[in-house]
Amino acid sequence: MNITRKYLIIGLFCLFAGGLRAQNSYTNPVLNHDMPDPTVIQTKEGEFYLYATENHGYSIPIARSFDLVNWEIIGAAFTRETRPSFEPKGGLWAPDINYLKGKYLLYYSMSYWGGNETCGIGVATADSPQGPFRDHGALFRSNEIGVTNSIDPEFVREKGRNYLIWGSFWGIYAIELSRDGLSVKPGCTPKQIAGRAFEASYIHKRNGFYYLFASIGSCCEGLNSTYTTVVGRSRNLLGPYTDKSGKRMLDNACEIVMKRSDRFIGPGHNSDIITDKAGDDWLLYHAVDAQNPRGRKLLLDKIRWVDDWPTVQDGHPSETPQPTPLF
């Protein structure tokens, strides 16, 4: 073997050993497209699939990435023929993707502005993260479950039991689901776990704590949006969740994770936390870009844990090049 070929092989081995960093740095936004309310899942093959609120002809757009930085929109969860219809005037908002017993479960909100009492949450399933998704209809509607503005679902599996967390500015609630996740468990009723300041909930478990991420403020007023990402924590899934001083999220107390920067306004409605091969935690979320304010763009930042509380660098979206995740 000649020396040039030998060192080429050694170099390629070193490149792939321990994970491939496709590029050394990235700059927000990671997807310069309207992608509100992102939710993400990683397959066993290592691919990432992201889903977002319906927009621009996509009935829940689907994007794919191998590194959380470079994204390609590959289609939509529903076609015109398969799109859910239990709320006739409703849009498909704030999906949540999960994997349970060999199926991909996609929970979604169906609502319209002013439809607080008739909106609801549905679920669809697929064998592949790319779909096609088969709709199973509404789990419940606001006027059936007794929770006004029943949107923003998040599925949580804990100790072999399935739960749905949801709500938007009328309280955050939890309820147990059936074993297949396709219906509410008979006899179960909603339990409120946070107050009326919040929406877009996401629960993350770490070091014995459950962290309830949420968003406060206005999501959808362009450069005037006040969306802010906040958090509380608890030793139990169903609370009580508190801030650092022990005040309850049920009373609207919280800690700020991330607020606006000069360039990125209204950062919120974060996805699941993804941990890379270096052990770093990463958060996808949306924000309005002052340099291109049409829509809410997809952003990525590393979570930093300080005394077991999450934040991002400087407490706002990054505007300068950042080291990429390691996968």
Protein backbone atom coordinates (compact mmCIF):
# COMPACT_ATOMS: atom_id res chain seq x y z
CA MET A 1 0.00 0.00 0.00
CA ASN A 2 1.50 3.38 -0.92
CA ILE A 3 1.94 6.06 1.74
CA THR A 4 -0.65 8.45 0.25
CA ARG A 5 -3.38 5.81 0.24
CA LYS A 6 -2.44 4.66 3.75
CA TYR A 7 -2.82 8.13 5.25
CA LEU A 8 -6.04 8.75 3.31
CA ILE A 9 -7.56 5.63 4.91
CA ILE A 10 -6.32 6.68 8.36
CA GLY A 11 -7.79 10.14 7.85
CA LEU A 12 -11.18 8.79 6.84
CA PHE A 13 -11.23 6.50 9.86
CA CYS A 14 -10.49 9.38 12.22
CA LEU A 15 -13.21 11.46 10.57
CA PHE A 16 -15.92 8.88 11.18
CA ALA A 17 -14.75 7.53 14.55
CA GLY A 18 -16.91 8.82 17.41
CA GLY A 19 -19.39 10.64 15.19
CA LEU A 20 -19.28 12.83 12.14
CA ARG A 21 -19.46 16.60 12.47
CA ALA A 22 -20.76 17.63 9.06
CA GLN A 23 -19.59 21.22 9.54
CA ASN A 24 -17.78 23.04 12.30
CA SER A 25 -20.39 25.68 12.97
CA TYR A 26 -23.90 26.83 12.13
CA THR A 27 -25.81 30.10 12.29
CA ASN A 28 -29.50 30.60 13.06
CA PRO A 29 -31.98 30.12 11.53
CA VAL A 30 -31.29 26.50 10.64
CA LEU A 31 -34.33 26.43 8.34
CA ASN A 32 -35.26 29.75 6.77
CA HIS A 33 -38.86 28.71 6.21
CA ASP A 34 -42.06 29.26 8.16
CA MET A 35 -41.96 26.30 10.62
CA PRO A 36 -44.02 27.26 13.70
CA ASP A 37 -44.36 24.99 16.75
CA PRO A 38 -41.74 22.36 15.84
CA THR A 39 -41.67 18.79 17.16
CA VAL A 40 -38.83 16.37 16.38
CA ILE A 41 -38.01 12.68 16.64
CA GLN A 42 -34.84 10.68 15.97
CA THR A 43 -35.17 7.28 14.31
CA LYS A 44 -33.04 4.27 15.24
CA GLU A 45 -31.13 4.87 11.99
CA GLY A 46 -30.14 8.31 13.27
CA GLU A 47 -32.31 10.49 11.03
CA PHE A 48 -34.28 13.39 12.49
CA TYR A 49 -37.82 14.17 11.38
CA LEU A 50 -39.46 17.46 12.25
CA TYR A 51 -43.15 18.42 11.99
CA ALA A 52 -44.70 21.88 12.32
CA THR A 53 -47.95 23.80 12.21
CA GLU A 54 -49.79 23.69 8.87
CA ASN A 55 -48.63 26.41 6.49
CA HIS A 56 -48.19 27.33 2.82
CA GLY A 57 -50.12 24.36 1.50
CA TYR A 58 -48.45 21.80 3.78
CA SER A 59 -50.92 19.96 6.03
CA ILE A 60 -48.27 19.63 8.76
CA PRO A 61 -44.95 19.90 6.89
CA ILE A 62 -42.28 17.22 7.42
CA ALA A 63 -38.57 18.07 7.30
CA ARG A 64 -35.60 15.70 7.55
CA SER A 65 -32.06 16.19 8.84
CA PHE A 66 -29.04 14.14 9.85
CA ASP A 67 -27.48 16.73 12.17
CA LEU A 68 -30.24 19.14 13.40
CA VAL A 69 -28.59 21.87 11.30
CA ASN A 70 -29.24 21.04 7.65
CA TRP A 71 -32.94 20.47 6.94
CA GLU A 72 -34.91 19.49 3.85
CA ILE A 73 -38.70 19.69 3.60
CA ILE A 74 -39.77 16.31 2.21
CA GLY A 75 -43.56 16.47 2.27
CA ALA A 76 -46.57 16.68 4.56
CA ALA A 77 -48.30 14.43 7.06
CA PHE A 78 -51.65 14.63 5.23
CA THR A 79 -52.92 15.09 1.71
CA ARG A 80 -56.03 17.05 0.80
CA GLU A 81 -57.97 13.77 0.90
CA THR A 82 -56.57 12.49 4.23
CA ARG A 83 -56.49 15.81 6.10
CA PRO A 84 -58.47 15.69 9.40
CA SER A 85 -61.78 17.50 9.37
CA PHE A 86 -63.42 17.25 12.80
CA GLU A 87 -63.17 21.06 13.14
CA PRO A 88 -64.53 22.19 9.73
CA LYS A 89 -62.98 25.69 9.87
CA GLY A 90 -59.87 24.60 11.73
CA GLY A 91 -56.19 24.62 10.87
CA LEU A 92 -53.73 21.92 11.94
CA TRP A 93 -51.57 23.42 14.67
CA ALA A 94 -48.75 22.43 17.01
CA PRO A 95 -48.19 18.71 16.30
CA ASP A 96 -46.33 16.30 18.59
CA ILE A 97 -44.53 13.25 17.17
CA ASN A 98 -43.86 10.03 19.13
CA TYR A 99 -43.00 6.37 18.62
CA LEU A 100 -45.00 3.71 20.45
CA LYS A 101 -45.15 -0.04 19.88
CA GLY A 102 -43.90 0.05 16.29
CA LYS A 103 -46.05 3.02 15.23
CA TYR A 104 -45.39 6.72 14.82
CA LEU A 105 -48.07 8.67 16.69
CA LEU A 106 -48.73 12.22 15.54
CA TYR A 107 -50.91 14.27 17.87
CA TYR A 108 -52.21 17.56 16.49
CA SER A 109 -54.43 20.50 17.39
CA MET A 110 -57.33 21.51 15.19
CA SER A 111 -58.54 25.04 15.77
CA TYR A 112 -59.08 28.54 14.40
CA TRP A 113 -58.76 31.97 15.98
CA GLY A 114 -61.77 32.35 18.23
CA GLY A 115 -62.61 28.65 18.25
CA ASN A 116 -61.66 28.11 21.90
CA GLU A 117 -64.67 25.96 22.76
CA THR A 118 -64.88 23.76 19.66
CA CYS A 119 -61.17 23.16 19.02
CA GLY A 120 -59.64 19.85 19.97
CA ILE A 121 -56.79 17.40 19.78
CA GLY A 122 -56.58 14.46 17.37
CA VAL A 123 -54.12 11.68 16.62
CA ALA A 124 -52.84 9.93 13.51
CA THR A 125 -50.50 6.96 13.04
CA ALA A 126 -47.98 5.76 10.46
CA ASP A 127 -45.48 2.95 9.99
CA SER A 128 -42.82 5.41 8.81
CA PRO A 129 -41.93 8.93 10.00
CA GLN A 130 -42.44 10.07 6.40
CA GLY A 131 -46.01 8.80 6.45
CA PRO A 132 -48.54 8.30 5.04
CA PHE A 133 -50.38 9.09 8.27
CA ARG A 134 -53.79 7.59 8.97
CA ASP A 135 -56.04 9.89 10.96
CA HIS A 136 -57.94 8.43 13.93
CA GLY A 137 -59.95 11.58 14.53
CA ALA A 138 -60.41 13.63 17.68
CA LEU A 139 -59.32 12.43 21.10
CA PHE A 140 -61.55 15.16 22.51
CA ARG A 141 -62.78 18.70 21.91
CA SER A 142 -62.81 21.58 24.36
CA ASN A 143 -66.56 21.46 24.91
CA GLU A 144 -66.36 17.71 25.60
CA ILE A 145 -63.39 17.61 27.97
CA GLY A 146 -64.19 20.84 29.85
CA VAL A 147 -60.86 22.56 29.06
CA THR A 148 -61.12 25.79 27.08
CA ASN A 149 -58.66 26.15 24.18
CA SER A 150 -57.65 22.48 24.04
CA ILE A 151 -54.59 22.75 21.77
CA ASP A 152 -50.81 22.17 21.98
CA PRO A 153 -50.64 18.45 22.81
CA GLU A 154 -47.59 16.63 24.16
CA PHE A 155 -47.44 12.86 24.72
CA VAL A 156 -45.50 11.55 27.73
CA ARG A 157 -44.82 7.90 28.54
CA GLU A 158 -43.99 7.34 32.20
CA LYS A 159 -43.58 4.02 34.02
CA GLY A 160 -45.50 2.13 31.33
CA ARG A 161 -48.41 4.57 31.29
CA ASN A 162 -49.33 7.12 28.62
CA TYR A 163 -50.29 10.72 29.32
CA LEU A 164 -51.31 13.72 27.25
CA ILE A 165 -50.26 17.20 28.39
CA TRP A 166 -52.01 20.14 26.72
CA GLY A 167 -53.50 23.60 27.06
CA SER A 168 -53.18 27.22 25.97
CA PHE A 169 -53.69 30.19 28.30
CA TRP A 170 -56.57 28.52 30.14
CA GLY A 171 -54.37 26.21 32.18
CA ILE A 172 -52.03 23.35 31.34
CA TYR A 173 -53.67 19.96 31.91
CA ALA A 174 -52.75 16.27 31.96
CA ILE A 175 -54.84 13.15 31.40
CA GLU A 176 -54.01 9.46 31.11
CA LEU A 177 -54.43 7.78 27.73
CA SER A 178 -55.15 4.21 26.66
CA ARG A 179 -52.31 1.72 26.20
CA ASP A 180 -52.17 2.39 22.46
CA GLY A 181 -52.36 6.17 22.94
CA LEU A 182 -55.36 6.52 20.65
CA SER A 183 -58.00 7.43 23.22
CA VAL A 184 -58.48 8.76 26.73
CA LYS A 185 -58.31 6.00 29.34
CA PRO A 186 -61.87 5.28 30.54
CA GLY A 187 -62.76 6.98 33.79
CA CYS A 188 -59.89 9.50 33.68
CA THR A 189 -60.44 13.24 34.00
CA PRO A 190 -58.13 16.24 33.39
CA LYS A 191 -55.74 17.37 36.12
CA GLN A 192 -54.44 20.94 36.00
CA ILE A 193 -50.66 21.19 36.44
CA ALA A 194 -49.93 24.84 35.49
CA GLY A 195 -51.74 28.16 35.38
CA ARG A 196 -53.24 30.36 32.69
CA ALA A 197 -50.03 32.17 31.72
CA PHE A 198 -48.75 29.26 29.63
CA GLU A 199 -49.09 27.27 26.44
CA ALA A 200 -46.87 24.99 24.32
CA SER A 201 -45.90 22.64 27.14
CA TYR A 202 -43.10 20.07 26.95
CA ILE A 203 -41.90 17.87 29.82
CA HIS A 204 -38.28 16.71 30.03
CA LYS A 205 -36.95 14.31 32.68
CA ARG A 206 -33.40 14.77 33.98
CA ASN A 207 -31.57 13.86 37.20
CA GLY A 208 -34.76 13.02 39.08
CA PHE A 209 -36.59 16.20 38.06
CA TYR A 210 -39.39 16.74 35.58
CA TYR A 211 -38.97 20.05 33.75
CA LEU A 212 -42.11 21.67 32.37
CA PHE A 213 -41.08 23.93 29.49
CA ALA A 214 -43.74 26.33 28.23
CA SER A 215 -44.20 29.64 26.43
CA ILE A 216 -45.70 32.88 27.69
CA GLY A 217 -46.72 36.04 25.83
CA SER A 218 -47.99 36.50 22.27
CA CYS A 219 -46.77 34.10 19.60
CA CYS A 220 -48.07 35.56 16.41
CA GLU A 221 -47.68 39.33 16.12
CA GLY A 222 -44.57 39.39 13.97
CA LEU A 223 -41.98 41.87 15.19
CA ASN A 224 -44.31 42.78 18.09
CA SER A 225 -44.49 39.22 19.41
CA THR A 226 -43.62 38.79 23.09
CA TYR A 227 -43.23 35.01 23.17
CA THR A 228 -40.73 33.85 25.81
CA THR A 229 -39.62 30.32 26.75
CA VAL A 230 -39.99 29.47 30.45
CA VAL A 231 -39.69 26.47 32.77
CA GLY A 232 -40.56 25.05 36.17
CA ARG A 233 -39.64 21.73 37.72
CA SER A 234 -41.08 19.00 39.92
CA ARG A 235 -40.13 15.66 41.45
CA ASN A 236 -43.35 14.20 40.03
CA LEU A 237 -44.75 14.13 36.50
CA LEU A 238 -48.07 15.65 37.55
CA GLY A 239 -46.51 18.30 39.78
CA PRO A 240 -46.46 20.52 41.66
CA TYR A 241 -44.10 22.42 39.33
CA THR A 242 -42.27 25.37 40.89
CA ASP A 243 -39.74 28.07 40.12
CA LYS A 244 -36.39 28.41 41.91
CA SER A 245 -38.02 30.03 44.93
CA GLY A 246 -40.68 27.35 45.27
CA LYS A 247 -43.56 29.38 43.84
CA ARG A 248 -45.98 27.23 41.83
CA MET A 249 -46.58 27.23 38.09
CA LEU A 250 -50.23 26.73 39.04
CA ASP A 251 -49.96 30.33 40.25
CA ASN A 252 -48.14 31.32 37.03
CA ALA A 253 -44.64 31.41 38.54
CA CYS A 254 -41.77 30.31 36.28
CA GLU A 255 -38.12 30.78 35.33
CA ILE A 256 -37.09 32.30 32.00
CA VAL A 257 -35.11 30.00 29.71
CA MET A 258 -34.88 32.29 26.70
CA LYS A 259 -36.21 35.66 25.62
CA ARG A 260 -35.85 37.75 22.48
CA SER A 261 -32.58 38.98 21.08
CA ASP A 262 -32.05 42.01 18.87
CA ARG A 263 -32.51 39.88 15.77
CA PHE A 264 -34.79 37.01 16.86
CA ILE A 265 -38.16 37.97 18.34
CA GLY A 266 -40.61 35.75 20.17
CA PRO A 267 -38.54 32.58 20.73
CA GLY A 268 -40.81 29.78 21.91
CA HIS A 269 -42.84 26.61 21.42
CA ASN A 270 -39.77 24.42 21.70
CA SER A 271 -39.41 20.81 20.56
CA ASP A 272 -38.19 17.84 22.55
CA ILE A 273 -34.61 18.10 23.80
CA ILE A 274 -32.17 16.05 21.70
CA THR A 275 -28.88 14.83 23.26
CA ASP A 276 -25.90 14.45 20.92
CA LYS A 277 -22.94 12.05 21.13
CA ALA A 278 -20.96 14.56 23.18
CA GLY A 279 -23.73 14.58 25.82
CA ASP A 280 -24.88 18.10 24.92
CA ASP A 281 -28.60 18.91 24.88
CA TRP A 282 -30.14 20.80 21.96
CA LEU A 283 -33.40 22.67 21.58
CA LEU A 284 -35.28 23.51 18.38
CA TYR A 285 -37.85 26.32 18.51
CA HIS A 286 -39.36 29.05 16.39
CA ALA A 287 -38.79 32.79 16.32
CA VAL A 288 -39.39 35.78 14.03
CA ASP A 289 -36.25 36.90 12.21
CA ALA A 290 -36.02 40.70 12.09
CA GLN A 291 -33.98 40.40 8.89
CA ASN A 292 -36.76 38.42 7.21
CA PRO A 293 -39.88 38.77 9.39
CA ARG A 294 -42.32 36.81 7.26
CA GLY A 295 -43.27 33.68 9.24
CA ARG A 296 -41.61 32.00 12.21
CA LYS A 297 -38.27 30.41 11.36
CA LEU A 298 -36.63 27.30 12.83
CA LEU A 299 -33.80 27.96 15.29
CA LEU A 300 -31.43 25.71 17.24
CA ASP A 301 -29.48 26.32 20.44
CA LYS A 302 -27.65 24.30 23.05
CA ILE A 303 -29.22 23.95 26.47
CA ARG A 304 -26.85 24.77 29.32
CA TRP A 305 -27.65 23.35 32.74
CA VAL A 306 -26.75 25.63 35.66
CA ASP A 307 -27.49 24.23 39.13
CA ASP A 308 -29.94 21.82 37.46
CA TRP A 309 -31.84 24.61 35.70
CA PRO A 310 -31.87 25.02 31.90
CA THR A 311 -30.89 28.12 29.97
CA VAL A 312 -29.26 29.03 26.65
CA GLN A 313 -26.13 31.11 26.20
CA ASP A 314 -26.79 34.71 27.29
CA GLY A 315 -30.47 33.82 27.74
CA HIS A 316 -31.53 34.56 24.17
CA PRO A 317 -31.26 33.00 20.68
CA SER A 318 -27.75 32.87 19.28
CA GLU A 319 -26.99 35.30 16.45
CA THR A 320 -23.35 34.33 15.83
CA PRO A 321 -21.83 31.04 14.58
CA GLN A 322 -22.11 28.19 17.10
CA PRO A 323 -20.40 24.76 17.27
CA THR A 324 -22.58 22.14 15.62
CA PRO A 325 -24.06 19.13 17.44
CA LEU A 326 -22.07 15.91 17.23
CA PHE A 327 -23.86 12.93 15.66
